[in-house]
N, C-alpha and C. Protein backbone atom coordinates (compact mmCIF):
# COMPACT_ATOMS: atom_id res chain seq x y z
N MET A 1 -53.82 1.15 -110.33
CA MET A 1 -52.29 0.32 -110.11
C MET A 1 -52.03 -1.21 -110.88
N ARG A 2 -53.30 -1.33 -111.98
CA ARG A 2 -53.27 -1.83 -113.36
C ARG A 2 -52.73 -0.67 -114.30
N ALA A 3 -53.21 -0.18 -114.44
CA ALA A 3 -52.69 0.91 -115.41
C ALA A 3 -50.64 1.36 -115.18
N ARG A 4 -50.95 1.21 -113.95
CA ARG A 4 -49.08 1.62 -113.86
C ARG A 4 -48.92 1.18 -113.61
N ILE A 5 -48.73 -1.00 -113.32
CA ILE A 5 -47.72 -1.28 -113.40
C ILE A 5 -47.72 -1.75 -114.88
N ARG A 6 -48.40 -1.78 -116.14
CA ARG A 6 -48.32 -1.83 -117.13
C ARG A 6 -47.76 -0.92 -117.75
N ALA A 7 -47.53 0.17 -117.30
CA ALA A 7 -46.76 1.74 -118.10
C ALA A 7 -45.59 1.37 -117.02
N GLY A 8 -45.27 0.53 -116.30
CA GLY A 8 -44.00 0.38 -116.17
C GLY A 8 -43.85 1.54 -115.05
N ASP A 9 -43.99 1.87 -114.14
CA ASP A 9 -44.05 2.91 -112.88
C ASP A 9 -43.90 1.99 -111.73
N ARG A 10 -42.34 2.12 -111.21
CA ARG A 10 -41.45 1.45 -110.47
C ARG A 10 -42.06 2.01 -109.13
N ALA A 11 -42.53 2.97 -108.79
CA ALA A 11 -43.19 3.48 -107.77
C ALA A 11 -44.75 2.18 -106.96
N ALA A 12 -45.37 2.60 -108.55
CA ALA A 12 -46.27 1.43 -108.02
C ALA A 12 -46.15 -0.20 -107.75
N PHE A 13 -44.76 -0.58 -108.48
CA PHE A 13 -43.80 -1.77 -108.47
C PHE A 13 -43.87 -2.33 -107.12
N ALA A 14 -42.88 -1.24 -106.26
CA ALA A 14 -42.42 -1.06 -105.29
C ALA A 14 -43.68 -1.47 -104.27
N ASP A 15 -45.12 -1.01 -104.47
CA ASP A 15 -45.99 -0.92 -103.27
C ASP A 15 -46.82 -2.53 -103.81
N LEU A 16 -46.65 -3.57 -104.97
CA LEU A 16 -46.84 -4.66 -105.18
C LEU A 16 -46.35 -5.38 -104.93
N TYR A 17 -44.85 -5.24 -104.72
CA TYR A 17 -43.90 -5.63 -103.87
C TYR A 17 -43.97 -5.78 -102.33
N ASP A 18 -44.02 -4.57 -101.85
CA ASP A 18 -44.08 -4.32 -100.70
C ASP A 18 -45.87 -5.31 -99.93
N GLU A 19 -46.66 -4.89 -101.05
CA GLU A 19 -47.96 -5.72 -100.45
C GLU A 19 -48.47 -7.54 -100.13
N HIS A 20 -47.71 -8.69 -101.38
CA HIS A 20 -47.94 -9.10 -101.47
C HIS A 20 -46.58 -10.20 -101.38
N ALA A 21 -44.98 -9.66 -101.13
CA ALA A 21 -44.09 -10.39 -101.02
C ALA A 21 -44.06 -11.79 -100.25
N ARG A 22 -45.33 -11.40 -99.09
CA ARG A 22 -44.69 -12.32 -98.09
C ARG A 22 -46.24 -13.38 -98.65
N ALA A 23 -46.81 -12.88 -99.16
CA ALA A 23 -48.00 -14.18 -99.91
C ALA A 23 -47.47 -14.86 -100.86
N VAL A 24 -45.94 -13.98 -101.63
CA VAL A 24 -46.02 -14.76 -102.53
C VAL A 24 -44.36 -15.97 -101.82
N TYR A 25 -43.68 -15.48 -101.16
CA TYR A 25 -43.29 -16.62 -100.49
C TYR A 25 -43.66 -17.61 -99.89
N ASN A 26 -44.34 -17.43 -98.79
CA ASN A 26 -45.47 -18.09 -98.31
C ASN A 26 -46.33 -19.44 -99.29
N HIS A 27 -46.51 -19.30 -99.96
CA HIS A 27 -46.97 -19.82 -101.21
C HIS A 27 -45.68 -20.84 -102.12
N ALA A 28 -44.36 -19.90 -102.00
CA ALA A 28 -43.36 -21.01 -102.98
C ALA A 28 -43.14 -21.81 -101.71
N LEU A 29 -42.76 -21.14 -100.30
CA LEU A 29 -42.26 -22.56 -99.58
C LEU A 29 -42.90 -23.89 -98.90
N ARG A 30 -44.82 -23.23 -99.25
CA ARG A 30 -45.60 -24.60 -99.15
C ARG A 30 -45.37 -25.44 -100.24
N LEU A 31 -45.19 -25.12 -101.66
CA LEU A 31 -44.43 -25.75 -102.95
C LEU A 31 -43.33 -26.23 -102.75
N THR A 32 -42.04 -26.06 -102.21
CA THR A 32 -40.97 -26.18 -102.24
C THR A 32 -40.69 -26.82 -101.47
N GLY A 33 -41.04 -26.79 -100.00
CA GLY A 33 -40.49 -27.52 -98.87
C GLY A 33 -39.07 -26.64 -97.88
N ASN A 34 -38.79 -25.69 -98.25
CA ASN A 34 -37.14 -25.28 -98.62
C ASN A 34 -37.30 -23.57 -98.06
N TRP A 35 -36.82 -23.12 -97.99
CA TRP A 35 -35.94 -21.51 -97.47
C TRP A 35 -35.79 -21.31 -98.55
N SER A 36 -34.65 -21.71 -98.48
CA SER A 36 -34.06 -21.47 -100.09
C SER A 36 -34.28 -21.08 -101.74
N GLU A 37 -34.73 -22.57 -101.43
CA GLU A 37 -35.85 -23.03 -102.55
C GLU A 37 -36.84 -21.42 -102.67
N ALA A 38 -37.54 -20.72 -101.34
CA ALA A 38 -38.73 -20.62 -101.88
C ALA A 38 -38.05 -18.86 -101.94
N GLU A 39 -37.23 -18.31 -101.49
CA GLU A 39 -36.57 -16.92 -101.55
C GLU A 39 -36.95 -17.10 -103.20
N GLU A 40 -35.85 -18.08 -103.60
CA GLU A 40 -35.29 -18.32 -105.37
C GLU A 40 -36.68 -18.00 -105.99
N ALA A 41 -37.78 -18.67 -106.02
CA ALA A 41 -38.82 -18.70 -106.35
C ALA A 41 -39.91 -17.33 -106.26
N MET A 42 -39.98 -16.85 -104.83
CA MET A 42 -40.18 -15.41 -105.39
C MET A 42 -39.14 -14.46 -105.78
N SER A 43 -38.06 -14.41 -105.85
CA SER A 43 -36.90 -13.36 -106.15
C SER A 43 -37.11 -13.56 -108.22
N GLU A 44 -37.49 -14.89 -108.03
CA GLU A 44 -37.79 -14.61 -109.68
C GLU A 44 -39.28 -14.51 -110.32
N THR A 45 -40.53 -14.74 -109.56
CA THR A 45 -41.42 -14.28 -109.17
C THR A 45 -41.80 -12.56 -109.50
N PHE A 46 -41.12 -11.69 -108.86
CA PHE A 46 -40.98 -10.14 -108.88
C PHE A 46 -40.44 -10.16 -110.19
N LEU A 47 -39.34 -10.82 -110.79
CA LEU A 47 -38.44 -10.57 -111.82
C LEU A 47 -39.25 -10.86 -113.04
N ALA A 48 -40.04 -11.73 -113.24
CA ALA A 48 -40.90 -11.85 -114.35
C ALA A 48 -41.97 -11.34 -114.47
N ALA A 49 -42.49 -11.06 -113.14
CA ALA A 49 -43.38 -10.24 -113.17
C ALA A 49 -43.35 -8.66 -113.70
N TRP A 50 -41.70 -8.22 -113.54
CA TRP A 50 -41.53 -7.02 -114.18
C TRP A 50 -41.76 -7.02 -115.92
N ARG A 51 -41.01 -8.25 -116.41
CA ARG A 51 -40.55 -8.53 -117.30
C ARG A 51 -41.85 -8.85 -118.11
N THR A 52 -43.29 -8.94 -117.75
CA THR A 52 -44.16 -9.47 -118.17
C THR A 52 -45.20 -8.36 -117.88
N ARG A 53 -44.50 -7.33 -117.50
CA ARG A 53 -46.28 -6.57 -117.27
C ARG A 53 -46.65 -6.03 -117.53
N GLU A 54 -46.81 -5.80 -119.68
CA GLU A 54 -47.24 -5.53 -120.50
C GLU A 54 -48.51 -6.60 -120.29
N THR A 55 -48.92 -7.91 -119.63
CA THR A 55 -49.18 -8.97 -120.34
C THR A 55 -50.59 -8.54 -119.14
N VAL A 56 -50.98 -7.89 -118.01
CA VAL A 56 -52.31 -8.01 -116.99
C VAL A 56 -52.35 -6.86 -117.71
N GLU A 57 -53.78 -7.69 -117.33
CA GLU A 57 -55.38 -7.58 -118.49
C GLU A 57 -55.88 -5.75 -117.41
N PRO A 58 -56.20 -4.87 -118.16
CA PRO A 58 -56.16 -3.30 -117.84
C PRO A 58 -57.14 -3.56 -116.62
N GLU A 59 -58.12 -4.34 -116.70
CA GLU A 59 -59.07 -4.27 -115.97
C GLU A 59 -58.92 -5.68 -114.86
N GLY A 60 -59.62 -5.31 -113.13
CA GLY A 60 -59.69 -6.48 -112.72
C GLY A 60 -59.62 -6.20 -111.31
N GLY A 61 -59.51 -6.96 -110.55
CA GLY A 61 -59.16 -6.71 -109.42
C GLY A 61 -57.70 -6.55 -108.56
N SER A 62 -57.43 -7.39 -107.60
CA SER A 62 -56.27 -7.72 -106.98
C SER A 62 -55.02 -8.56 -108.07
N LEU A 63 -53.85 -7.93 -107.77
CA LEU A 63 -52.87 -8.29 -108.75
C LEU A 63 -52.27 -9.96 -108.11
N LYS A 64 -52.49 -10.26 -106.73
CA LYS A 64 -51.93 -11.12 -106.00
C LYS A 64 -52.46 -12.45 -106.87
N PRO A 65 -53.49 -13.02 -107.54
CA PRO A 65 -53.60 -14.09 -108.33
C PRO A 65 -52.49 -14.46 -109.63
N TRP A 66 -52.34 -13.02 -109.83
CA TRP A 66 -51.27 -13.22 -111.26
C TRP A 66 -50.27 -13.58 -110.68
N LEU A 67 -49.27 -12.94 -109.90
CA LEU A 67 -48.46 -13.45 -109.14
C LEU A 67 -48.10 -14.51 -108.38
N LEU A 68 -49.55 -15.54 -108.19
CA LEU A 68 -49.07 -16.12 -107.02
C LEU A 68 -49.42 -17.35 -108.39
N GLY A 69 -49.99 -16.90 -109.53
CA GLY A 69 -49.97 -17.85 -110.89
C GLY A 69 -48.36 -18.12 -110.58
N ILE A 70 -47.18 -16.91 -111.55
CA ILE A 70 -46.48 -17.09 -111.39
C ILE A 70 -45.59 -18.19 -110.61
N ALA A 71 -45.80 -17.33 -109.29
CA ALA A 71 -44.73 -18.42 -108.34
C ALA A 71 -44.90 -19.33 -108.97
N THR A 72 -46.04 -19.88 -108.74
CA THR A 72 -46.54 -21.65 -108.78
C THR A 72 -46.07 -22.23 -109.90
N HIS A 73 -45.33 -21.32 -111.10
CA HIS A 73 -44.46 -22.18 -112.15
C HIS A 73 -42.90 -21.92 -111.62
N LYS A 74 -42.41 -20.96 -110.91
CA LYS A 74 -41.41 -20.26 -110.66
C LYS A 74 -41.18 -21.79 -109.33
N ALA A 75 -41.53 -22.19 -108.13
CA ALA A 75 -41.30 -23.21 -107.18
C ALA A 75 -41.11 -24.34 -107.76
N LEU A 76 -41.41 -24.53 -109.40
CA LEU A 76 -41.10 -25.90 -109.54
C LEU A 76 -39.50 -25.93 -110.04
N ASN A 77 -38.74 -24.80 -110.15
CA ASN A 77 -37.49 -24.23 -111.06
C ASN A 77 -36.72 -23.62 -109.86
N ALA A 78 -37.19 -23.88 -108.27
CA ALA A 78 -36.54 -23.31 -107.85
C ALA A 78 -35.13 -24.11 -107.38
N ASN A 79 -35.12 -25.67 -107.39
CA ASN A 79 -33.73 -26.40 -107.73
C ASN A 79 -33.66 -26.18 -107.87
N ARG A 80 -33.45 -25.76 -109.04
CA ARG A 80 -32.59 -25.80 -110.42
C ARG A 80 -31.70 -24.60 -110.53
N GLY A 81 -31.98 -23.32 -109.79
CA GLY A 81 -31.67 -22.18 -109.59
C GLY A 81 -30.47 -22.33 -108.40
N LEU A 82 -31.00 -23.11 -107.58
CA LEU A 82 -30.20 -23.56 -105.95
C LEU A 82 -29.08 -23.90 -106.89
N ARG A 83 -29.03 -25.21 -107.33
CA ARG A 83 -27.71 -25.72 -107.91
C ARG A 83 -27.06 -24.95 -108.29
N ARG A 84 -27.48 -23.74 -109.51
CA ARG A 84 -26.42 -23.03 -109.87
C ARG A 84 -25.62 -22.18 -109.13
N ARG A 85 -26.04 -21.65 -108.10
CA ARG A 85 -25.80 -20.41 -107.31
C ARG A 85 -24.84 -21.48 -106.17
N LEU A 86 -25.34 -22.75 -106.00
CA LEU A 86 -24.10 -23.45 -105.17
C LEU A 86 -22.90 -24.15 -106.13
N THR A 87 -23.12 -24.70 -107.16
CA THR A 87 -22.28 -24.86 -108.57
C THR A 87 -20.92 -23.13 -108.49
N PHE A 88 -21.99 -21.95 -108.26
CA PHE A 88 -20.93 -21.20 -108.57
C PHE A 88 -19.82 -20.78 -107.05
N LEU A 89 -20.50 -20.76 -105.39
CA LEU A 89 -19.73 -20.60 -104.67
C LEU A 89 -18.79 -22.23 -104.01
N ALA A 90 -19.09 -22.63 -105.41
CA ALA A 90 -17.74 -24.21 -105.12
C ALA A 90 -16.36 -23.63 -105.83
N ARG A 91 -17.21 -22.76 -106.98
CA ARG A 91 -15.92 -22.53 -107.54
C ARG A 91 -15.99 -21.83 -107.32
N SER A 92 -15.66 -21.06 -106.45
CA SER A 92 -15.52 -19.60 -106.22
C SER A 92 -13.81 -19.30 -105.25
N PRO A 93 -13.18 -19.24 -105.72
CA PRO A 93 -11.68 -18.98 -105.33
C PRO A 93 -11.15 -18.79 -104.03
N GLU A 94 -11.88 -17.46 -103.09
CA GLU A 94 -11.52 -17.22 -102.16
C GLU A 94 -13.01 -17.63 -101.08
N SER A 95 -12.76 -17.61 -99.71
CA SER A 95 -13.58 -18.47 -98.70
C SER A 95 -13.89 -17.34 -98.30
N ARG A 96 -15.17 -17.34 -97.66
CA ARG A 96 -16.38 -16.57 -97.49
C ARG A 96 -16.30 -16.77 -95.46
N PRO A 97 -16.69 -15.36 -94.88
CA PRO A 97 -16.67 -15.25 -93.72
C PRO A 97 -18.20 -15.28 -93.38
N VAL A 98 -18.37 -16.10 -91.66
CA VAL A 98 -19.42 -16.46 -92.16
C VAL A 98 -20.47 -16.29 -90.89
N GLU A 99 -20.77 -15.14 -90.60
CA GLU A 99 -20.72 -14.98 -89.26
C GLU A 99 -21.53 -16.29 -88.83
N ASP A 100 -21.62 -15.28 -87.06
CA ASP A 100 -22.67 -16.90 -86.26
C ASP A 100 -23.31 -16.55 -86.20
N PHE A 101 -24.31 -17.51 -86.29
CA PHE A 101 -26.05 -17.08 -85.94
C PHE A 101 -26.68 -18.22 -85.34
N ALA A 102 -26.08 -19.36 -84.46
CA ALA A 102 -25.48 -20.46 -84.35
C ALA A 102 -27.21 -20.27 -83.76
N ASP A 103 -27.98 -19.26 -82.51
CA ASP A 103 -29.08 -19.47 -82.25
C ASP A 103 -30.66 -18.96 -83.28
N GLU A 104 -30.21 -18.66 -84.29
CA GLU A 104 -30.94 -18.87 -84.98
C GLU A 104 -31.23 -19.85 -85.95
N THR A 105 -30.03 -20.28 -86.03
CA THR A 105 -29.92 -21.60 -86.89
C THR A 105 -30.96 -22.74 -85.64
N VAL A 106 -30.80 -22.91 -84.51
CA VAL A 106 -31.48 -23.53 -83.64
C VAL A 106 -33.38 -24.06 -84.22
N GLY A 107 -33.37 -22.70 -83.96
CA GLY A 107 -35.07 -22.00 -84.50
C GLY A 107 -35.53 -22.90 -86.04
N ARG A 108 -34.79 -22.26 -86.83
CA ARG A 108 -35.21 -22.79 -88.24
C ARG A 108 -34.62 -23.87 -88.16
N ILE A 109 -33.30 -24.83 -87.79
CA ILE A 109 -33.96 -26.55 -87.85
C ILE A 109 -34.92 -27.07 -87.25
N ASP A 110 -35.56 -26.84 -86.30
CA ASP A 110 -36.64 -27.10 -85.78
C ASP A 110 -37.74 -27.17 -86.34
N ASP A 111 -37.58 -25.79 -87.01
CA ASP A 111 -38.90 -25.53 -87.36
C ASP A 111 -39.19 -26.32 -88.87
N ALA A 112 -37.86 -26.07 -89.37
CA ALA A 112 -37.35 -27.29 -91.31
C ALA A 112 -37.47 -28.79 -91.01
N ARG A 113 -37.56 -28.80 -89.54
CA ARG A 113 -38.26 -30.74 -89.44
C ARG A 113 -39.76 -30.78 -89.93
N ARG A 114 -39.87 -29.59 -88.90
CA ARG A 114 -41.85 -30.09 -88.99
C ARG A 114 -42.12 -29.74 -90.82
N LEU A 115 -41.77 -28.99 -91.36
CA LEU A 115 -41.60 -28.40 -92.46
C LEU A 115 -42.03 -29.55 -93.74
N ALA A 116 -40.50 -29.81 -93.36
CA ALA A 116 -40.19 -31.12 -94.50
C ALA A 116 -41.40 -32.20 -94.00
N VAL A 117 -41.81 -32.33 -92.79
CA VAL A 117 -42.84 -33.74 -92.78
C VAL A 117 -44.81 -33.49 -93.44
N VAL A 118 -43.75 -31.79 -93.48
CA VAL A 118 -45.98 -31.30 -93.72
C VAL A 118 -45.90 -31.62 -95.45
N HIS A 119 -44.22 -31.24 -95.69
CA HIS A 119 -44.24 -30.78 -97.08
C HIS A 119 -44.14 -32.22 -97.67
N GLU A 120 -43.64 -32.96 -97.36
CA GLU A 120 -43.67 -35.13 -97.81
C GLU A 120 -45.17 -35.55 -97.59
N ALA A 121 -45.86 -34.86 -96.56
CA ALA A 121 -47.52 -35.35 -96.87
C ALA A 121 -47.97 -34.75 -98.23
N LEU A 122 -47.39 -33.12 -98.21
CA LEU A 122 -48.42 -32.64 -99.08
C LEU A 122 -47.72 -33.25 -100.75
N GLY A 123 -46.73 -33.33 -100.64
CA GLY A 123 -46.31 -33.87 -101.82
C GLY A 123 -46.89 -35.66 -102.45
N ARG A 124 -47.51 -35.88 -101.57
CA ARG A 124 -48.05 -37.02 -102.05
C ARG A 124 -49.38 -36.84 -102.70
N LEU A 125 -49.61 -35.38 -103.14
CA LEU A 125 -50.75 -35.23 -103.81
C LEU A 125 -50.41 -35.00 -105.08
N ARG A 126 -51.07 -35.11 -106.28
CA ARG A 126 -50.72 -34.74 -107.59
C ARG A 126 -50.48 -33.93 -107.59
N ARG A 127 -49.30 -32.84 -108.38
CA ARG A 127 -48.62 -31.38 -108.50
C ARG A 127 -49.97 -30.61 -109.04
N GLN A 128 -50.87 -31.18 -109.25
CA GLN A 128 -52.05 -29.95 -109.97
C GLN A 128 -53.07 -29.87 -108.33
N ASP A 129 -53.64 -30.81 -108.09
CA ASP A 129 -54.30 -30.58 -107.53
C ASP A 129 -53.49 -30.05 -105.99
N ARG A 130 -51.71 -30.17 -104.94
CA ARG A 130 -50.93 -29.44 -104.48
C ARG A 130 -51.26 -28.17 -105.31
N GLU A 131 -50.98 -27.59 -106.03
CA GLU A 131 -51.16 -25.92 -106.47
C GLU A 131 -52.81 -25.55 -106.40
N VAL A 132 -53.51 -26.08 -106.44
CA VAL A 132 -55.08 -25.47 -106.10
C VAL A 132 -54.94 -25.78 -104.93
N PHE A 133 -54.33 -26.78 -103.99
CA PHE A 133 -54.55 -27.00 -102.74
C PHE A 133 -54.34 -25.34 -101.69
N ALA A 134 -52.86 -25.20 -102.33
CA ALA A 134 -51.91 -23.93 -101.86
C ALA A 134 -52.20 -22.51 -102.53
N LEU A 135 -53.13 -22.81 -103.62
CA LEU A 135 -53.37 -21.58 -103.85
C LEU A 135 -55.13 -21.18 -103.21
N CYS A 136 -55.84 -21.89 -102.90
CA CYS A 136 -57.25 -22.00 -102.39
C CYS A 136 -57.52 -22.00 -100.72
N VAL A 137 -56.12 -22.38 -100.23
CA VAL A 137 -56.24 -23.14 -98.87
C VAL A 137 -54.65 -22.44 -98.13
N SER A 138 -54.15 -22.28 -98.65
CA SER A 138 -53.37 -21.61 -97.97
C SER A 138 -52.06 -20.21 -98.37
N ALA A 139 -52.86 -20.17 -99.18
CA ALA A 139 -52.88 -18.30 -100.45
C ALA A 139 -54.39 -17.63 -99.73
N GLY A 140 -55.14 -18.34 -99.59
CA GLY A 140 -56.29 -17.60 -99.42
C GLY A 140 -56.94 -16.93 -100.71
N LEU A 141 -56.83 -17.99 -101.75
CA LEU A 141 -57.65 -17.25 -102.69
C LEU A 141 -59.03 -17.74 -103.76
N ASP A 142 -60.03 -17.59 -103.85
CA ASP A 142 -61.08 -17.60 -104.56
C ASP A 142 -60.99 -18.98 -105.78
N TYR A 143 -61.88 -19.69 -105.65
CA TYR A 143 -62.17 -20.45 -106.92
C TYR A 143 -61.52 -19.33 -108.34
N GLN A 144 -62.54 -18.55 -108.11
CA GLN A 144 -62.04 -17.78 -109.53
C GLN A 144 -60.27 -17.39 -109.58
N GLN A 145 -60.45 -16.84 -108.60
CA GLN A 145 -58.90 -16.00 -108.62
C GLN A 145 -57.54 -17.07 -108.65
N ALA A 146 -57.97 -18.57 -107.96
CA ALA A 146 -56.97 -19.55 -108.44
C ALA A 146 -56.95 -20.10 -109.44
N ALA A 147 -58.60 -19.91 -110.49
CA ALA A 147 -58.67 -20.14 -111.97
C ALA A 147 -57.43 -19.28 -112.86
N GLU A 148 -57.52 -17.79 -112.60
CA GLU A 148 -57.10 -17.02 -112.36
C GLU A 148 -55.47 -16.61 -113.29
N ALA A 149 -55.09 -17.44 -111.97
CA ALA A 149 -53.98 -17.84 -111.33
C ALA A 149 -53.47 -18.92 -111.96
N LEU A 150 -54.17 -19.77 -112.00
CA LEU A 150 -53.11 -20.93 -113.19
C LEU A 150 -53.81 -20.84 -114.57
N GLY A 151 -54.44 -20.45 -114.81
CA GLY A 151 -55.49 -20.54 -116.46
C GLY A 151 -56.17 -21.87 -116.36
N ILE A 152 -56.84 -21.65 -115.55
CA ILE A 152 -57.55 -23.20 -115.43
C ILE A 152 -59.03 -23.00 -115.69
N PRO A 153 -60.45 -23.43 -115.99
CA PRO A 153 -61.45 -23.53 -115.73
C PRO A 153 -62.22 -23.38 -113.83
N VAL A 154 -62.78 -22.82 -113.70
CA VAL A 154 -63.31 -22.95 -112.03
C VAL A 154 -63.68 -24.28 -111.85
N GLY A 155 -64.45 -24.55 -112.45
CA GLY A 155 -65.05 -26.28 -112.07
C GLY A 155 -63.69 -27.00 -111.89
N THR A 156 -62.42 -26.77 -113.06
CA THR A 156 -61.29 -27.47 -112.52
C THR A 156 -60.70 -27.49 -111.17
N VAL A 157 -60.29 -25.85 -110.92
CA VAL A 157 -59.94 -25.93 -109.16
C VAL A 157 -60.95 -26.39 -108.32
N ARG A 158 -62.17 -26.53 -108.42
CA ARG A 158 -63.51 -27.26 -107.71
C ARG A 158 -62.95 -28.43 -107.31
N SER A 159 -63.00 -28.84 -108.64
CA SER A 159 -62.97 -30.70 -108.93
C SER A 159 -61.48 -31.26 -107.82
N ARG A 160 -59.67 -30.46 -108.19
CA ARG A 160 -58.51 -30.69 -107.66
C ARG A 160 -58.78 -30.75 -106.58
N LEU A 161 -59.50 -29.05 -105.68
CA LEU A 161 -59.36 -28.93 -104.66
C LEU A 161 -60.32 -29.97 -103.63
N SER A 162 -61.73 -30.72 -104.37
CA SER A 162 -61.82 -31.32 -103.84
C SER A 162 -61.01 -32.51 -103.77
N ARG A 163 -60.46 -33.00 -104.36
CA ARG A 163 -59.61 -34.84 -104.58
C ARG A 163 -58.67 -34.75 -103.84
N ALA A 164 -58.01 -33.37 -103.52
CA ALA A 164 -57.02 -33.30 -102.29
C ALA A 164 -57.56 -32.79 -101.23
N ARG A 165 -58.67 -32.39 -100.46
CA ARG A 165 -59.30 -32.35 -99.75
C ARG A 165 -59.14 -33.81 -98.90
N ALA A 166 -60.08 -34.61 -100.18
CA ALA A 166 -60.23 -35.95 -99.76
C ALA A 166 -58.77 -36.91 -99.60
N ARG A 167 -57.93 -36.11 -100.40
CA ARG A 167 -56.41 -37.06 -100.41
C ARG A 167 -55.74 -36.52 -98.65
N LEU A 168 -55.53 -35.93 -98.30
CA LEU A 168 -55.20 -34.95 -97.17
C LEU A 168 -55.69 -35.39 -96.19
N ALA A 169 -57.21 -35.50 -96.12
CA ALA A 169 -57.76 -36.31 -95.09
C ALA A 169 -57.25 -37.81 -94.58
N ARG A 170 -57.34 -38.50 -95.66
CA ARG A 170 -56.81 -39.80 -95.47
C ARG A 170 -55.21 -39.85 -94.79
N ILE A 171 -54.31 -38.68 -95.40
CA ILE A 171 -53.54 -38.80 -95.55
C ILE A 171 -52.38 -38.63 -93.64
N SER A 172 -53.90 -37.36 -93.15
CA SER A 172 -53.56 -37.48 -91.71
C SER A 172 -54.24 -38.06 -90.83
N GLY A 173 -54.55 -38.89 -91.59
CA GLY A 173 -55.70 -39.97 -90.51
C GLY A 173 -54.13 -40.83 -90.50
N GLU A 174 -53.52 -41.78 -91.53
CA GLU A 174 -52.33 -42.32 -91.57
C GLU A 174 -51.05 -41.94 -90.98
N LEU A 175 -51.14 -40.78 -90.73
CA LEU A 175 -49.60 -39.75 -90.01
C LEU A 175 -50.44 -39.68 -88.13
N ASP A 176 -51.13 -39.52 -87.96
CA ASP A 176 -52.01 -39.57 -87.10
C ASP A 176 -52.62 -41.20 -85.98
N ARG A 177 -52.26 -42.04 -86.86
CA ARG A 177 -52.25 -43.35 -85.93
C ARG A 177 -50.81 -43.93 -85.92
N ALA A 178 -49.92 -43.58 -87.16
CA ALA A 178 -48.50 -43.59 -87.14
C ALA A 178 -48.18 -43.11 -86.10
N ASP A 179 -48.44 -42.09 -85.57
CA ASP A 179 -48.17 -41.37 -84.05
C ASP A 179 -48.26 -41.96 -83.06
N ARG A 180 -50.00 -42.91 -83.01
CA ARG A 180 -50.34 -43.00 -81.72
C ARG A 180 -49.58 -44.05 -81.79
N ALA A 181 -48.69 -44.95 -82.69
CA ALA A 181 -48.70 -46.58 -82.95
C ALA A 181 -46.93 -46.66 -82.30
N LYS A 182 -46.23 -45.26 -82.36
CA LYS A 182 -44.36 -45.18 -81.83
C LYS A 182 -45.06 -44.23 -80.71
N ALA A 183 -45.65 -44.51 -79.69
CA ALA A 183 -45.95 -43.73 -78.19
C ALA A 183 -43.88 -43.37 -77.52
N GLU A 184 -43.43 -44.97 -77.62
CA GLU A 184 -41.82 -44.85 -76.65
C GLU A 184 -41.37 -45.47 -77.90
N PRO A 185 -40.00 -45.37 -77.86
CA PRO A 185 -38.99 -44.65 -76.74
C PRO A 185 -38.50 -43.12 -77.38
N ARG A 186 -37.99 -42.52 -76.28
CA ARG A 186 -38.00 -41.20 -77.09
C ARG A 186 -36.47 -41.17 -77.18
N GLY A 187 -36.07 -39.71 -76.81
CA GLY A 187 -34.99 -39.90 -78.07
C GLY A 187 -35.00 -38.89 -79.67
N ARG A 188 -34.47 -39.46 -80.42
CA ARG A 188 -34.27 -38.64 -81.49
C ARG A 188 -35.51 -39.09 -82.62
N ARG A 189 -36.31 -40.59 -81.56
CA ARG A 189 -37.31 -40.94 -82.42
C ARG A 189 -38.60 -40.63 -82.05
N GLY A 190 -38.31 -40.04 -80.61
CA GLY A 190 -39.55 -39.24 -79.99
C GLY A 190 -40.15 -37.87 -80.69
N GLU A 191 -38.18 -36.91 -81.32
CA GLU A 191 -38.69 -36.20 -81.93
C GLU A 191 -39.92 -36.30 -82.87
N LYS A 192 -39.02 -37.55 -83.92
CA LYS A 192 -40.18 -37.53 -85.19
C LYS A 192 -41.26 -37.78 -85.03
N GLU A 193 -41.47 -38.50 -83.91
CA GLU A 193 -43.13 -38.34 -83.10
C GLU A 193 -43.93 -37.40 -83.36
N SER A 194 -43.60 -36.49 -83.11
CA SER A 194 -43.51 -34.88 -82.35
C SER A 194 -43.80 -34.30 -83.52
N GLU A 195 -42.97 -34.80 -84.63
CA GLU A 195 -42.89 -34.00 -86.09
C GLU A 195 -44.47 -34.73 -86.68
N VAL A 196 -44.71 -36.06 -86.37
CA VAL A 196 -45.61 -36.47 -86.99
C VAL A 196 -46.30 -36.21 -87.15
N ALA A 197 -46.77 -36.00 -85.58
CA ALA A 197 -48.28 -35.49 -84.69
C ALA A 197 -48.40 -34.18 -85.46
N PHE A 198 -47.64 -33.17 -85.84
CA PHE A 198 -47.89 -31.72 -85.69
C PHE A 198 -47.99 -31.88 -87.48
N ALA A 199 -47.82 -32.40 -88.37
CA ALA A 199 -48.16 -32.03 -89.53
C ALA A 199 -49.35 -32.96 -89.80
N ALA A 200 -49.62 -34.29 -88.73
CA ALA A 200 -51.23 -34.88 -88.40
C ALA A 200 -52.32 -33.60 -88.13
N LYS A 201 -51.77 -33.16 -87.82
CA LYS A 201 -52.61 -31.57 -86.93
C LYS A 201 -53.21 -30.94 -87.74
N PHE A 202 -51.91 -29.93 -88.72
CA PHE A 202 -51.77 -29.12 -89.44
C PHE A 202 -52.91 -29.45 -90.80
N LEU A 203 -51.82 -30.48 -90.93
CA LEU A 203 -53.58 -31.28 -91.90
C LEU A 203 -54.73 -31.47 -91.98
N GLN A 204 -55.08 -31.73 -91.29
CA GLN A 204 -56.54 -32.05 -90.42
C GLN A 204 -57.04 -31.00 -90.47
N GLU A 205 -56.04 -29.11 -90.00
CA GLU A 205 -56.78 -28.13 -89.43
C GLU A 205 -56.57 -27.75 -91.52
N GLU A 206 -56.15 -27.59 -92.33
CA GLU A 206 -56.30 -27.45 -93.66
C GLU A 206 -56.58 -28.12 -94.29
N ALA A 207 -56.95 -28.87 -94.12
CA ALA A 207 -58.22 -30.17 -95.34
C ALA A 207 -59.36 -29.80 -94.62
N GLY A 208 -59.67 -29.77 -93.25
CA GLY A 208 -60.42 -29.55 -93.23
C GLY A 208 -61.70 -28.11 -93.37
């Protein structure tokens, strides 16, 4: 696979996309907290991978760490690309028909609220620690693969992950206590409390 990718084999690259697109998207989503930005980062990741395919080492295992390393950097620039697209659409002279997708939107809004709470918690980490946490815990890379993805020593990956776990354990405790302190009233506030509880449970599982 590495030799075929380096040689510009489009069929091999299509296989690479099919195998890792979901992992790249999920990784970008965890780092950005936004579906549109995650999609932007995923597209930019595979475009950059194609353009830099000759830099792939001829020997080695899965190319997933290489792709996630690119995605980590692209996720940081996703906001900029999203703003460019919105600016273009705002300047477009023609109105565009919009399909009715209300049912799908309801579910996505609910998920978005929960994702925003989780992303806010992860955002309290240092950027470097959050990147390592996302690679090792969410994307499932081992220390060596994460080090390869980020271009840093394995020891640095270990120390950053340890720091991230400790920090998230404290954050999850804070979220849990905040949720217990707001048992009532209901309504919008109750929705917010359930989102906070979800985030606390998520972080406890991820950092555990």
